[in-house]
Protein backbone atom coordinates (compact mmCIF):
# COMPACT_ATOMS: atom_id res chain seq x y z
CA UNK A 1 102.50 109.95 84.43
CA UNK A 2 101.48 107.29 86.96
CA UNK A 3 98.04 107.01 88.50
CA UNK A 4 96.92 105.60 91.83
CA UNK A 5 100.24 104.40 93.19
CA UNK A 6 99.92 102.70 96.57
CA UNK A 7 101.94 104.45 99.25
CA UNK A 8 103.56 101.73 101.40
CA UNK A 9 103.74 104.15 104.32
CA UNK A 10 99.99 104.87 104.38
CA UNK A 11 98.36 101.70 103.03
CA UNK A 12 98.84 99.58 106.20
CA UNK A 13 97.36 102.40 108.31
CA UNK A 14 94.35 102.60 106.00
CA UNK A 15 94.00 98.82 106.01
CA UNK A 16 93.60 98.70 109.81
CA UNK A 17 90.99 101.46 109.69
CA UNK A 18 92.98 104.36 111.06
CA UNK A 19 91.48 106.79 108.53
CA UNK A 20 87.91 105.64 109.21
CA UNK A 21 85.57 108.22 110.73
CA UNK A 22 84.34 105.77 113.35
CA UNK A 23 87.82 104.50 114.26
CA UNK A 24 88.39 103.84 117.92
CA UNK A 25 90.84 101.60 119.73
CA UNK A 26 88.57 98.52 119.68
CA UNK A 27 87.69 98.97 116.02
CA UNK A 28 91.36 99.20 115.07
CA UNK A 29 92.29 96.19 117.23
CA UNK A 30 89.53 94.12 115.58
CA UNK A 31 90.78 95.17 112.13
CA UNK A 32 94.35 94.24 113.06
CA UNK A 33 93.14 90.82 114.25
CA UNK A 34 91.10 90.30 111.09
CA UNK A 35 93.98 91.32 108.81
CA UNK A 36 96.34 89.01 110.71
CA UNK A 37 93.88 86.13 110.21
CA UNK A 38 93.61 86.91 106.47
CA UNK A 39 97.41 87.06 106.08
CA UNK A 40 97.88 83.82 108.01
CA UNK A 41 95.23 82.06 105.92
CA UNK A 42 96.81 83.33 102.69
CA UNK A 43 100.24 82.10 103.81
CA UNK A 44 98.91 78.68 104.76
CA UNK A 45 97.10 78.38 101.42
CA UNK A 46 100.14 79.59 99.45
CA UNK A 47 98.38 82.72 98.15
CA UNK A 48 99.61 86.33 98.03
CA UNK A 49 99.14 88.06 101.39
CA UNK A 50 98.14 91.47 100.11
CA UNK A 51 98.49 94.01 97.30
CA UNK A 52 101.18 95.84 99.28
CA UNK A 53 103.73 94.28 96.95
CA UNK A 54 102.45 96.69 94.30
CA UNK A 55 103.21 99.74 96.46
CA UNK A 56 106.05 102.09 95.59
CA UNK A 57 107.75 104.52 97.91
CA UNK A 58 107.74 108.05 96.44
CA UNK A 59 111.43 108.47 97.32
CA UNK A 60 112.38 105.51 95.11
CA UNK A 61 110.37 106.89 92.18
CA UNK A 62 112.01 110.29 92.70
CA UNK A 63 115.51 108.74 92.62
CA UNK A 64 114.72 106.96 89.35
CA UNK A 65 113.30 110.14 87.78
CA UNK A 66 116.34 112.15 88.89
CA UNK A 67 118.69 109.49 87.53
CA UNK A 68 117.26 110.05 84.05
CA UNK A 69 117.03 113.87 84.44
CA UNK A 70 113.26 114.03 84.79
CA UNK A 71 111.33 116.35 87.06
CA UNK A 72 108.65 114.84 89.29
CA UNK A 73 105.67 116.16 91.20
CA UNK A 74 103.63 114.14 93.68
CA UNK A 75 99.93 114.78 94.25
CA UNK A 76 97.91 113.10 96.97
CA UNK A 77 94.92 111.19 95.60
CA UNK A 78 91.65 113.01 96.02
CA UNK A 79 89.69 109.83 96.71
CA UNK A 80 92.06 107.44 98.49
CA UNK A 81 94.15 108.36 101.52
CA UNK A 82 96.71 105.66 100.75
CA UNK A 83 97.33 106.48 97.07
CA UNK A 84 99.16 109.24 95.24
CA UNK A 85 99.89 110.35 91.69
CA UNK A 86 103.37 110.90 90.30
CA UNK A 87 103.65 113.32 87.42
CA UNK A 88 106.96 112.91 85.60
CA UNK A 89 108.09 115.37 82.94
CA UNK A 90 111.30 116.42 81.21
CA UNK A 91 113.07 119.48 82.57
């Protein structure tokens, strides 16, 4: 069983504030600008840009589970829009 896996399809949308209750066009544009500045600064200072490198696409996990004859069920995280749980079990 895996807990709190970052979904690379949803994490960038969450990061720019798309899931925020007070999200409007200007809020999202400001967040995009801020995140760009953070990524640029990290690159210039030779630091990791983001935790997105720790994200795993559910389809890849499913292929690996199927390769070894495991069943898999995905459950959306109750607390984080951009995370999910993968429950892997033998058939």
